[in-house]
PDB file of N, CA and C in Angstrom:
ATOM      1  N   MET A   1       0.843  -1.171   0.000  1.00  0.00           N
ATOM      2  CA  MET A   1       0.000   0.000   0.000  1.00  0.00           C
ATOM      3  C   MET A   1       0.894   1.242   0.000  1.00  0.00           C
ATOM      4  N   ASN A   2       0.638   2.150  -0.927  1.00  0.00           N
ATOM      5  CA  ASN A   2       1.461   3.344  -1.066  1.00  0.00           C
ATOM      6  C   ASN A   2       0.812   4.509  -0.309  1.00  0.00           C
ATOM      7  N   TYR A   3       1.313   4.775   0.887  1.00  0.00           N
ATOM      8  CA  TYR A   3       0.725   5.813   1.739  1.00  0.00           C
ATOM      9  C   TYR A   3       0.961   7.217   1.180  1.00  0.00           C
ATOM     10  N   ASN A   4       2.033   7.396   0.411  1.00  0.00           N
ATOM     11  CA  ASN A   4       2.248   8.700  -0.227  1.00  0.00           C
ATOM     12  C   ASN A   4       1.131   8.998  -1.217  1.00  0.00           C
ATOM     13  N   GLU A   5       0.747   7.987  -2.013  1.00  0.00           N
ATOM     14  CA  GLU A   5      -0.319   8.167  -3.000  1.00  0.00           C
ATOM     15  C   GLU A   5      -1.672   8.355  -2.323  1.00  0.00           C
ATOM     16  N   ILE A   6      -1.924   7.629  -1.250  1.00  0.00           N
ATOM     17  CA  ILE A   6      -3.176   7.812  -0.504  1.00  0.00           C
ATOM     18  C   ILE A   6      -3.238   9.239   0.028  1.00  0.00           C
ATOM     19  N   GLY A   7      -2.152   9.710   0.589  1.00  0.00           N
ATOM     20  CA  GLY A   7      -2.098  11.083   1.094  1.00  0.00           C
ATOM     21  C   GLY A   7      -2.312  12.106  -0.003  1.00  0.00           C
ATOM     22  N   ARG A   8      -1.739  11.845  -1.178  1.00  0.00           N
ATOM     23  CA  ARG A   8      -1.910  12.759  -2.308  1.00  0.00           C
ATOM     24  C   ARG A   8      -3.386  12.823  -2.722  1.00  0.00           C
ATOM     25  N   ARG A   9      -4.052  11.664  -2.745  1.00  0.00           N
ATOM     26  CA  ARG A   9      -5.467  11.654  -3.118  1.00  0.00           C
ATOM     27  C   ARG A   9      -6.321  12.344  -2.057  1.00  0.00           C
ATOM     28  N   ILE A  10      -5.994  12.147  -0.778  1.00  0.00           N
ATOM     29  CA  ILE A  10      -6.725  12.835   0.293  1.00  0.00           C
ATOM     30  C   ILE A  10      -6.578  14.344   0.114  1.00  0.00           C
ATOM     31  N   ARG A  11      -5.364  14.810  -0.133  1.00  0.00           N
ATOM     32  CA  ARG A  11      -5.120  16.245  -0.343  1.00  0.00           C
ATOM     33  C   ARG A  11      -5.924  16.764  -1.536  1.00  0.00           C
ATOM     34  N   LYS A  12      -5.940  15.984  -2.629  1.00  0.00           N
ATOM     35  CA  LYS A  12      -6.672  16.389  -3.832  1.00  0.00           C
ATOM     36  C   LYS A  12      -8.159  16.565  -3.520  1.00  0.00           C
ATOM     37  N   PHE A  13      -8.762  15.574  -2.856  1.00  0.00           N
ATOM     38  CA  PHE A  13     -10.192  15.665  -2.538  1.00  0.00           C
ATOM     39  C   PHE A  13     -10.470  16.759  -1.509  1.00  0.00           C
ATOM     40  N   ARG A  14      -9.552  16.940  -0.553  1.00  0.00           N
ATOM     41  CA  ARG A  14      -9.724  18.000   0.442  1.00  0.00           C
ATOM     42  C   ARG A  14      -9.780  19.359  -0.240  1.00  0.00           C
ATOM     43  N   LYS A  15      -8.857  19.583  -1.165  1.00  0.00           N
ATOM     44  CA  LYS A  15      -8.820  20.862  -1.879  1.00  0.00           C
ATOM     45  C   LYS A  15     -10.039  21.026  -2.775  1.00  0.00           C
ATOM     46  N   MET A  16     -10.504  19.928  -3.394  1.00  0.00           N
ATOM     47  CA  MET A  16     -11.705  19.997  -4.225  1.00  0.00           C
ATOM     48  C   MET A  16     -12.912  20.426  -3.393  1.00  0.00           C
ATOM     49  N   ARG A  17     -12.947  20.014  -2.138  1.00  0.00           N
ATOM     50  CA  ARG A  17     -14.058  20.373  -1.244  1.00  0.00           C
ATOM     51  C   ARG A  17     -13.856  21.743  -0.600  1.00  0.00           C
ATOM     52  N   GLY A  18     -12.675  22.319  -0.805  1.00  0.00           N
ATOM     53  CA  GLY A  18     -12.405  23.643  -0.248  1.00  0.00           C
ATOM     54  C   GLY A  18     -12.091  23.643   1.234  1.00  0.00           C
ATOM     55  N   PHE A  19     -11.642  22.492   1.759  1.00  0.00           N
ATOM     56  CA  PHE A  19     -11.299  22.390   3.174  1.00  0.00           C
ATOM     57  C   PHE A  19      -9.822  22.680   3.379  1.00  0.00           C
ATOM     58  N   SER A  20      -9.515  23.325   4.478  1.00  0.00           N
ATOM     59  CA  SER A  20      -8.125  23.427   4.906  1.00  0.00           C
ATOM     60  C   SER A  20      -7.781  22.137   5.649  1.00  0.00           C
ATOM     61  N   GLN A  21      -6.498  21.923   5.900  1.00  0.00           N
ATOM     62  CA  GLN A  21      -6.112  20.754   6.701  1.00  0.00           C
ATOM     63  C   GLN A  21      -6.756  20.828   8.077  1.00  0.00           C
ATOM     64  N   GLU A  22      -6.822  22.025   8.627  1.00  0.00           N
ATOM     65  CA  GLU A  22      -7.408  22.205   9.946  1.00  0.00           C
ATOM     66  C   GLU A  22      -8.881  21.805   9.952  1.00  0.00           C
ATOM     67  N   GLU A  23      -9.623  22.227   8.917  1.00  0.00           N
ATOM     68  CA  GLU A  23     -11.046  21.897   8.849  1.00  0.00           C
ATOM     69  C   GLU A  23     -11.264  20.394   8.728  1.00  0.00           C
ATOM     70  N   LEU A  24     -10.474  19.747   7.858  1.00  0.00           N
ATOM     71  CA  LEU A  24     -10.637  18.307   7.685  1.00  0.00           C
ATOM     72  C   LEU A  24     -10.238  17.572   8.964  1.00  0.00           C
ATOM     73  N   ALA A  25      -9.146  17.979   9.572  1.00  0.00           N
ATOM     74  CA  ALA A  25      -8.705  17.340  10.822  1.00  0.00           C
ATOM     75  C   ALA A  25      -9.792  17.450  11.891  1.00  0.00           C
ATOM     76  N   GLU A  26     -10.424  18.610  11.972  1.00  0.00           N
ATOM     77  CA  GLU A  26     -11.493  18.809  12.955  1.00  0.00           C
ATOM     78  C   GLU A  26     -12.684  17.898  12.653  1.00  0.00           C
ATOM     79  N   ARG A  27     -13.060  17.789  11.388  1.00  0.00           N
ATOM     80  CA  ARG A  27     -14.189  16.935  11.000  1.00  0.00           C
ATOM     81  C   ARG A  27     -13.909  15.464  11.294  1.00  0.00           C
ATOM     82  N   VAL A  28     -12.637  15.077  11.201  1.00  0.00           N
ATOM     83  CA  VAL A  28     -12.249  13.677  11.405  1.00  0.00           C
ATOM     84  C   VAL A  28     -11.868  13.419  12.863  1.00  0.00           C
ATOM     85  N   ASP A  29     -11.717  14.475  13.636  1.00  0.00           N
ATOM     86  CA  ASP A  29     -11.356  14.397  15.054  1.00  0.00           C
ATOM     87  C   ASP A  29      -9.946  13.842  15.250  1.00  0.00           C
ATOM     88  N   ILE A  30      -9.010  14.401  14.455  1.00  0.00           N
ATOM     89  CA  ILE A  30      -7.594  14.105  14.645  1.00  0.00           C
ATOM     90  C   ILE A  30      -6.843  15.436  14.695  1.00  0.00           C
ATOM     91  N   SER A  31      -5.585  15.389  15.098  1.00  0.00           N
ATOM     92  CA  SER A  31      -4.806  16.628  15.187  1.00  0.00           C
ATOM     93  C   SER A  31      -4.374  17.085  13.789  1.00  0.00           C
ATOM     94  N   VAL A  32      -4.094  18.372  13.673  1.00  0.00           N
ATOM     95  CA  VAL A  32      -3.620  18.922  12.404  1.00  0.00           C
ATOM     96  C   VAL A  32      -2.269  18.305  12.012  1.00  0.00           C
ATOM     97  N   PRO A  33      -1.321  18.147  12.947  1.00  0.00           N
ATOM     98  CA  PRO A  33      -0.069  17.497  12.554  1.00  0.00           C
ATOM     99  C   PRO A  33      -0.286  16.067  12.037  1.00  0.00           C
ATOM    100  N   HIS A  34      -1.225  15.342  12.648  1.00  0.00           N
ATOM    101  CA  HIS A  34      -1.516  13.987  12.182  1.00  0.00           C
ATOM    102  C   HIS A  34      -2.071  14.031  10.756  1.00  0.00           C
ATOM    103  N   MET A  35      -2.970  14.980  10.479  1.00  0.00           N
ATOM    104  CA  MET A  35      -3.513  15.118   9.127  1.00  0.00           C
ATOM    105  C   MET A  35      -2.403  15.455   8.144  1.00  0.00           C
ATOM    106  N   SER A  36      -1.501  16.330   8.527  1.00  0.00           N
ATOM    107  CA  SER A  36      -0.382  16.690   7.674  1.00  0.00           C
ATOM    108  C   SER A  36       0.483  15.466   7.367  1.00  0.00           C
ATOM    109  N   HIS A  37       0.748  14.660   8.398  1.00  0.00           N
ATOM    110  CA  HIS A  37       1.560  13.455   8.210  1.00  0.00           C
ATOM    111  C   HIS A  37       0.860  12.443   7.299  1.00  0.00           C
ATOM    112  N   ILE A  38      -0.463  12.361   7.395  1.00  0.00           N
ATOM    113  CA  ILE A  38      -1.215  11.464   6.516  1.00  0.00           C
ATOM    114  C   ILE A  38      -1.087  11.932   5.073  1.00  0.00           C
ATOM    115  N   GLU A  39      -1.274  13.228   4.845  1.00  0.00           N
ATOM    116  CA  GLU A  39      -1.223  13.771   3.486  1.00  0.00           C
ATOM    117  C   GLU A  39       0.162  13.665   2.865  1.00  0.00           C
ATOM    118  N   THR A  40       1.193  13.696   3.663  1.00  0.00           N
ATOM    119  CA  THR A  40       2.552  13.592   3.128  1.00  0.00           C
ATOM    120  C   THR A  40       3.049  12.149   3.091  1.00  0.00           C
ATOM    121  N   GLY A  41       2.231  11.227   3.602  1.00  0.00           N
ATOM    122  CA  GLY A  41       2.617   9.823   3.603  1.00  0.00           C
ATOM    123  C   GLY A  41       3.631   9.474   4.670  1.00  0.00           C
ATOM    124  N   ASN A  42       3.801  10.355   5.648  1.00  0.00           N
ATOM    125  CA  ASN A  42       4.784  10.126   6.705  1.00  0.00           C
ATOM    126  C   ASN A  42       4.251   9.274   7.845  1.00  0.00           C
ATOM    127  N   THR A  43       2.973   8.890   7.764  1.00  0.00           N
ATOM    128  CA  THR A  43       2.392   8.015   8.774  1.00  0.00           C
ATOM    129  C   THR A  43       1.372   7.115   8.104  1.00  0.00           C
ATOM    130  N   LYS A  44       1.178   5.954   8.688  1.00  0.00           N
ATOM    131  CA  LYS A  44       0.153   5.044   8.201  1.00  0.00           C
ATOM    132  C   LYS A  44      -1.149   5.386   8.916  1.00  0.00           C
ATOM    133  N   LEU A  45      -2.220   5.532   8.150  1.00  0.00           N
ATOM    134  CA  LEU A  45      -3.480   5.852   8.790  1.00  0.00           C
ATOM    135  C   LEU A  45      -4.247   4.572   9.087  1.00  0.00           C
ATOM    136  N   SER A  46      -5.009   4.613  10.172  1.00  0.00           N
ATOM    137  CA  SER A  46      -5.797   3.457  10.575  1.00  0.00           C
ATOM    138  C   SER A  46      -7.062   3.381   9.725  1.00  0.00           C
ATOM    139  N   LEU A  47      -7.688   2.218   9.725  1.00  0.00           N
ATOM    140  CA  LEU A  47      -8.933   2.038   8.985  1.00  0.00           C
ATOM    141  C   LEU A  47     -10.024   2.989   9.476  1.00  0.00           C
ATOM    142  N   PRO A  48     -10.227   3.151  10.797  1.00  0.00           N
ATOM    143  CA  PRO A  48     -11.254   4.101  11.236  1.00  0.00           C
ATOM    144  C   PRO A  48     -10.984   5.533  10.763  1.00  0.00           C
ATOM    145  N   VAL A  49      -9.729   5.949  10.731  1.00  0.00           N
ATOM    146  CA  VAL A  49      -9.399   7.298  10.262  1.00  0.00           C
ATOM    147  C   VAL A  49      -9.641   7.401   8.754  1.00  0.00           C
ATOM    148  N   LEU A  50      -9.270   6.366   8.007  1.00  0.00           N
ATOM    149  CA  LEU A  50      -9.527   6.362   6.567  1.00  0.00           C
ATOM    150  C   LEU A  50     -11.024   6.500   6.286  1.00  0.00           C
ATOM    151  N   VAL A  51     -11.835   5.738   7.001  1.00  0.00           N
ATOM    152  CA  VAL A  51     -13.285   5.790   6.812  1.00  0.00           C
ATOM    153  C   VAL A  51     -13.821   7.171   7.196  1.00  0.00           C
ATOM    154  N   ALA A  52     -13.320   7.738   8.280  1.00  0.00           N
ATOM    155  CA  ALA A  52     -13.768   9.069   8.700  1.00  0.00           C
ATOM    156  C   ALA A  52     -13.384  10.136   7.680  1.00  0.00           C
ATOM    157  N   ILE A  53     -12.190  10.039   7.125  1.00  0.00           N
ATOM    158  CA  ILE A  53     -11.757  11.001   6.106  1.00  0.00           C
ATOM    159  C   ILE A  53     -12.636  10.878   4.867  1.00  0.00           C
ATOM    160  N   ALA A  54     -12.886   9.651   4.425  1.00  0.00           N
ATOM    161  CA  ALA A  54     -13.752   9.444   3.255  1.00  0.00           C
ATOM    162  C   ALA A  54     -15.131  10.031   3.506  1.00  0.00           C
ATOM    163  N   GLY A  55     -15.666   9.809   4.690  1.00  0.00           N
ATOM    164  CA  GLY A  55     -16.982  10.365   5.031  1.00  0.00           C
ATOM    165  C   GLY A  55     -16.985  11.884   5.023  1.00  0.00           C
ATOM    166  N   ALA A  56     -15.961  12.473   5.598  1.00  0.00           N
ATOM    167  CA  ALA A  56     -15.875  13.935   5.648  1.00  0.00           C
ATOM    168  C   ALA A  56     -15.726  14.528   4.256  1.00  0.00           C
ATOM    169  N   LEU A  57     -15.037  13.816   3.369  1.00  0.00           N
ATOM    170  CA  LEU A  57     -14.818  14.305   2.004  1.00  0.00           C
ATOM    171  C   LEU A  57     -15.927  13.875   1.040  1.00  0.00           C
ATOM    172  N   GLU A  58     -16.851  13.038   1.551  1.00  0.00           N
ATOM    173  CA  GLU A  58     -17.962  12.524   0.747  1.00  0.00           C
ATOM    174  C   GLU A  58     -17.465  11.766  -0.485  1.00  0.00           C
ATOM    175  N   VAL A  59     -16.474  10.893  -0.259  1.00  0.00           N
ATOM    176  CA  VAL A  59     -15.955  10.015  -1.311  1.00  0.00           C
ATOM    177  C   VAL A  59     -15.931   8.589  -0.757  1.00  0.00           C
ATOM    178  N   ARG A  60     -15.755   7.630  -1.646  1.00  0.00           N
ATOM    179  CA  ARG A  60     -15.618   6.242  -1.216  1.00  0.00           C
ATOM    180  C   ARG A  60     -14.188   6.007  -0.744  1.00  0.00           C
ATOM    181  N   THR A  61     -14.016   5.072   0.155  1.00  0.00           N
ATOM    182  CA  THR A  61     -12.661   4.747   0.593  1.00  0.00           C
ATOM    183  C   THR A  61     -11.820   4.273  -0.588  1.00  0.00           C
ATOM    184  N   ASP A  62     -12.446   3.577  -1.546  1.00  0.00           N
ATOM    185  CA  ASP A  62     -11.725   3.144  -2.746  1.00  0.00           C
ATOM    186  C   ASP A  62     -11.124   4.319  -3.495  1.00  0.00           C
ATOM    187  N   ASP A  63     -11.817   5.460  -3.496  1.00  0.00           N
ATOM    188  CA  ASP A  63     -11.310   6.640  -4.190  1.00  0.00           C
ATOM    189  C   ASP A  63     -10.032   7.157  -3.537  1.00  0.00           C
ATOM    190  N   LEU A  64      -9.875   6.905  -2.248  1.00  0.00           N
ATOM    191  CA  LEU A  64      -8.658   7.313  -1.541  1.00  0.00           C
ATOM    192  C   LEU A  64      -7.552   6.267  -1.675  1.00  0.00           C
ATOM    193  N   LEU A  65      -7.945   5.008  -1.757  1.00  0.00           N
ATOM    194  CA  LEU A  65      -6.960   3.932  -1.807  1.00  0.00           C
ATOM    195  C   LEU A  65      -6.395   3.680  -3.198  1.00  0.00           C
ATOM    196  N   PHE A  66      -7.215   3.894  -4.228  1.00  0.00           N
ATOM    197  CA  PHE A  66      -6.810   3.518  -5.580  1.00  0.00           C
ATOM    198  C   PHE A  66      -6.856   4.701  -6.527  1.00  0.00           C
ATOM    199  N   ASP A  67      -5.899   4.727  -7.429  1.00  0.00           N
ATOM    200  CA  ASP A  67      -5.890   5.716  -8.495  1.00  0.00           C
ATOM    201  C   ASP A  67      -6.523   5.063  -9.707  1.00  0.00           C
ATOM    202  N   TRP A  68      -7.712   5.486 -10.042  1.00  0.00           N
ATOM    203  CA  TRP A  68      -8.440   4.871 -11.144  1.00  0.00           C
ATOM    204  C   TRP A  68      -7.842   5.359 -12.450  1.00  0.00           C
ATOM    205  N   ASP A  69      -6.923   4.590 -12.982  1.00  0.00           N
ATOM    206  CA  ASP A  69      -6.222   4.905 -14.218  1.00  0.00           C
ATOM    207  C   ASP A  69      -7.173   4.795 -15.399  1.00  0.00           C
ATOM    208  N   THR A  70      -7.361   5.893 -16.119  1.00  0.00           N
ATOM    209  CA  THR A  70      -8.300   5.886 -17.241  1.00  0.00           C
ATOM    210  C   THR A  70      -7.815   5.013 -18.383  1.00  0.00           C
ATOM    211  N   THR A  71      -6.534   4.706 -18.463  1.00  0.00           N
ATOM    212  CA  THR A  71      -6.086   3.810 -19.527  1.00  0.00           C
ATOM    213  C   THR A  71      -6.530   2.386 -19.244  1.00  0.00           C
ATOM    214  N   THR A  72      -6.721   2.045 -17.990  1.00  0.00           N
ATOM    215  CA  THR A  72      -7.182   0.714 -17.623  1.00  0.00           C
ATOM    216  C   THR A  72      -8.698   0.607 -17.755  1.00  0.00           C
ATOM    217  N   HIS A  73      -9.416   1.610 -17.304  1.00  0.00           N
ATOM    218  CA  HIS A  73     -10.877   1.568 -17.274  1.00  0.00           C
ATOM    219  C   HIS A  73     -11.517   2.244 -18.471  1.00  0.00           C
ATOM    220  N   GLY A  74     -10.725   2.831 -19.308  1.00  0.00           N
ATOM    221  CA  GLY A  74     -11.283   3.517 -20.467  1.00  0.00           C
ATOM    222  C   GLY A  74     -11.594   4.966 -20.148  1.00  0.00           C
ATOM    223  N   THR A  75     -11.599   5.765 -21.171  1.00  0.00           N
ATOM    224  CA  THR A  75     -11.842   7.194 -21.007  1.00  0.00           C
ATOM    225  C   THR A  75     -13.222   7.473 -20.445  1.00  0.00           C
ATOM    226  N   ALA A  76     -14.243   6.747 -20.924  1.00  0.00           N
ATOM    227  CA  ALA A  76     -15.610   6.979 -20.449  1.00  0.00           C
ATOM    228  C   ALA A  76     -15.714   6.703 -18.949  1.00  0.00           C
ATOM    229  N   ALA A  77     -15.111   5.617 -18.497  1.00  0.00           N
ATOM    230  CA  ALA A  77     -15.157   5.292 -17.072  1.00  0.00           C
ATOM    231  C   ALA A  77     -14.454   6.365 -16.252  1.00  0.00           C
ATOM    232  N   GLY A  78     -13.343   6.889 -16.766  1.00  0.00           N
ATOM    233  CA  GLY A  78     -12.650   7.976 -16.069  1.00  0.00           C
ATOM    234  C   GLY A  78     -13.487   9.233 -15.995  1.00  0.00           C
ATOM    235  N   ASP A  79     -14.194   9.525 -17.091  1.00  0.00           N
ATOM    236  CA  ASP A  79     -15.081  10.689 -17.107  1.00  0.00           C
ATOM    237  C   ASP A  79     -16.204  10.529 -16.084  1.00  0.00           C
ATOM    238  N   ILE A  80     -16.777   9.327 -16.043  1.00  0.00           N
ATOM    239  CA  ILE A  80     -17.857   9.061 -15.085  1.00  0.00           C
ATOM    240  C   ILE A  80     -17.336   9.168 -13.655  1.00  0.00           C
ATOM    241  N   ALA A  81     -16.156   8.611 -13.404  1.00  0.00           N
ATOM    242  CA  ALA A  81     -15.572   8.690 -12.064  1.00  0.00           C
ATOM    243  C   ALA A  81     -15.335  10.139 -11.653  1.00  0.00           C
ATOM    244  N   ASP A  82     -14.890  10.962 -12.589  1.00  0.00           N
ATOM    245  CA  ASP A  82     -14.661  12.374 -12.299  1.00  0.00           C
ATOM    246  C   ASP A  82     -15.966  13.070 -11.932  1.00  0.00           C
ATOM    247  N   ILE A  83     -17.032  12.767 -12.666  1.00  0.00           N
ATOM    248  CA  ILE A  83     -18.339  13.348 -12.359  1.00  0.00           C
ATOM    249  C   ILE A  83     -18.790  12.907 -10.970  1.00  0.00           C
ATOM    250  N   LEU A  84     -18.649  11.616 -10.680  1.00  0.00           N
ATOM    251  CA  LEU A  84     -19.087  11.101  -9.383  1.00  0.00           C
ATOM    252  C   LEU A  84     -18.289  11.706  -8.227  1.00  0.00           C
ATOM    253  N   ASN A  85     -17.027  12.021  -8.463  1.00  0.00           N
ATOM    254  CA  ASN A  85     -16.199  12.634  -7.414  1.00  0.00           C
ATOM    255  C   ASN A  85     -16.715  14.007  -7.008  1.00  0.00           C
ATOM    256  N   HIS A  86     -17.515  14.619  -7.867  1.00  0.00           N
ATOM    257  CA  HIS A  86     -18.060  15.942  -7.574  1.00  0.00           C
ATOM    258  C   HIS A  86     -19.521  15.875  -7.122  1.00  0.00           C
ATOM    259  N   CYS A  87     -20.002  14.682  -6.801  1.00  0.00           N
ATOM    260  CA  CYS A  87     -21.390  14.483  -6.398  1.00  0.00           C
ATOM    261  C   CYS A  87     -21.492  14.219  -4.901  1.00  0.00           C
ATOM    262  N   THR A  88     -22.649  14.550  -4.364  1.00  0.00           N
ATOM    263  CA  THR A  88     -22.969  14.114  -3.007  1.00  0.00           C
ATOM    264  C   THR A  88     -23.307  12.625  -3.082  1.00  0.00           C
ATOM    265  N   PRO A  89     -23.336  11.931  -1.963  1.00  0.00           N
ATOM    266  CA  PRO A  89     -23.704  10.509  -2.013  1.00  0.00           C
ATOM    267  C   PRO A  89     -25.083  10.283  -2.643  1.00  0.00           C
ATOM    268  N   GLY A  90     -26.035  11.146  -2.362  1.00  0.00           N
ATOM    269  CA  GLY A  90     -27.366  11.012  -2.946  1.00  0.00           C
ATOM    270  C   GLY A  90     -27.354  11.199  -4.451  1.00  0.00           C
ATOM    271  N   GLN A  91     -26.592  12.175  -4.923  1.00  0.00           N
ATOM    272  CA  GLN A  91     -26.480  12.396  -6.362  1.00  0.00           C
ATOM    273  C   GLN A  91     -25.803  11.207  -7.039  1.00  0.00           C
ATOM    274  N   ALA A  92     -24.781  10.664  -6.409  1.00  0.00           N
ATOM    275  CA  ALA A  92     -24.073   9.519  -6.979  1.00  0.00           C
ATOM    276  C   ALA A  92     -25.005   8.316  -7.088  1.00  0.00           C
ATOM    277  N   LYS A  93     -25.839   8.089  -6.083  1.00  0.00           N
ATOM    278  CA  LYS A  93     -26.802   6.976  -6.129  1.00  0.00           C
ATOM    279  C   LYS A  93     -27.794   7.188  -7.250  1.00  0.00           C
ATOM    280  N   ALA A  94     -28.313   8.413  -7.403  1.00  0.00           N
ATOM    281  CA  ALA A  94     -29.267   8.702  -8.478  1.00  0.00           C
ATOM    282  C   ALA A  94     -28.624   8.453  -9.843  1.00  0.00           C
ATOM    283  N   LEU A  95     -27.392   8.896 -10.021  1.00  0.00           N
ATOM    284  CA  LEU A  95     -26.708   8.671 -11.297  1.00  0.00           C
ATOM    285  C   LEU A  95     -26.466   7.188 -11.548  1.00  0.00           C
ATOM    286  N   ALA A  96     -26.141   6.442 -10.513  1.00  0.00           N
ATOM    287  CA  ALA A  96     -25.944   4.999 -10.671  1.00  0.00           C
ATOM    288  C   ALA A  96     -27.236   4.332 -11.129  1.00  0.00           C
ATOM    289  N   ASP A  97     -28.369   4.746 -10.543  1.00  0.00           N
ATOM    290  CA  ASP A  97     -29.661   4.201 -10.956  1.00  0.00           C
ATOM    291  C   ASP A  97     -29.965   4.547 -12.414  1.00  0.00           C
ATOM    292  N   ILE A  98     -29.652   5.773 -12.824  1.00  0.00           N
ATOM    293  CA  ILE A  98     -29.884   6.205 -14.204  1.00  0.00           C
ATOM    294  C   ILE A  98     -29.041   5.380 -15.175  1.00  0.00           C
ATOM    295  N   VAL A  99     -27.762   5.200 -14.846  1.00  0.00           N
ATOM    296  CA  VAL A  99     -26.873   4.438 -15.715  1.00  0.00           C
ATOM    297  C   VAL A  99     -27.333   2.983 -15.801  1.00  0.00           C
ATOM    298  N   LYS A 100     -27.726   2.410 -14.678  1.00  0.00           N
ATOM    299  CA  LYS A 100     -28.188   1.019 -14.665  1.00  0.00           C
ATOM    300  C   LYS A 100     -29.423   0.871 -15.554  1.00  0.00           C
ATOM    301  N   THR A 101     -30.380   1.778 -15.440  1.00  0.00           N
ATOM    302  CA  THR A 101     -31.599   1.721 -16.253  1.00  0.00           C
ATOM    303  C   THR A 101     -31.273   1.905 -17.732  1.00  0.00           C
ATOM    304  N   ALA A 102     -30.379   2.831 -18.051  1.00  0.00           N
ATOM    305  CA  ALA A 102     -29.980   3.054 -19.449  1.00  0.00           C
ATOM    306  C   ALA A 102     -29.318   1.803 -20.015  1.00  0.00           C
ATOM    307  N   LYS A 103     -28.455   1.164 -19.236  1.00  0.00           N
ATOM    308  CA  LYS A 103     -27.777  -0.058 -19.684  1.00  0.00           C
ATOM    309  C   LYS A 103     -28.785  -1.170 -19.938  1.00  0.00           C
ATOM    310  N   GLN A 104     -29.759  -1.324 -19.058  1.00  0.00           N
ATOM    311  CA  GLN A 104     -30.786  -2.351 -19.252  1.00  0.00           C
ATOM    312  C   GLN A 104     -31.576  -2.088 -20.532  1.00  0.00           C
ATOM    313  N   SER A 105     -31.903  -0.837 -20.809  1.00  0.00           N
ATOM    314  CA  SER A 105     -32.627  -0.484 -22.042  1.00  0.00           C
ATOM    315  C   SER A 105     -31.774  -0.778 -23.269  1.00  0.00           C
ATOM    316  N   MET A 106     -30.498  -0.447 -23.210  1.00  0.00           N
ATOM    317  CA  MET A 106     -29.606  -0.719 -24.337  1.00  0.00           C
ATOM    318  C   MET A 106     -29.498  -2.214 -24.584  1.00  0.00           C
ATOM    319  N   ASP A 107     -29.390  -2.994 -23.515  1.00  0.00           N
ATOM    320  CA  ASP A 107     -29.302  -4.440 -23.678  1.00  0.00           C
ATOM    321  C   ASP A 107     -30.568  -5.001 -24.311  1.00  0.00           C
ATOM    322  N   LYS A 108     -31.694  -4.425 -23.975  1.00  0.00           N
ATOM    323  CA  LYS A 108     -32.981  -4.909 -24.489  1.00  0.00           C
ATOM    324  C   LYS A 108     -33.204  -4.519 -25.953  1.00  0.00           C
ATOM    325  N   TYR A 109     -32.845  -3.313 -26.339  1.00  0.00           N
ATOM    326  CA  TYR A 109     -33.200  -2.799 -27.657  1.00  0.00           C
ATOM    327  C   TYR A 109     -32.064  -2.749 -28.666  1.00  0.00           C
ATOM    328  N   LEU A 110     -30.829  -2.856 -28.220  1.00  0.00           N
ATOM    329  CA  LEU A 110     -29.710  -2.778 -29.178  1.00  0.00           C
ATOM    330  C   LEU A 110     -29.045  -4.103 -29.381  1.00  0.00           C
TER     331      LEU A 110
END
């Protein structure tokens, strides 16, 4: 597990949400130095802290653990992942339902 990359993704999502390190640390109930060490990969974060960070950033833990390479998943999948990263959990669920229904229709008629 590459903690530097996990920290980089946490920083990316934190900035996308407009949070400072202090704000995210407060939401996760950890110290600011601990948050800094997580983002720089200088410490291993525990599973409860990872889950709390994902919750505070409104992303899946997978989004923090893995870099979804668009060359592996295709450009369309990367585009969809980017859209979902900017959604609330409710919006992401609605979009998943829409995509599932569209896929079922395509399978039936195409």
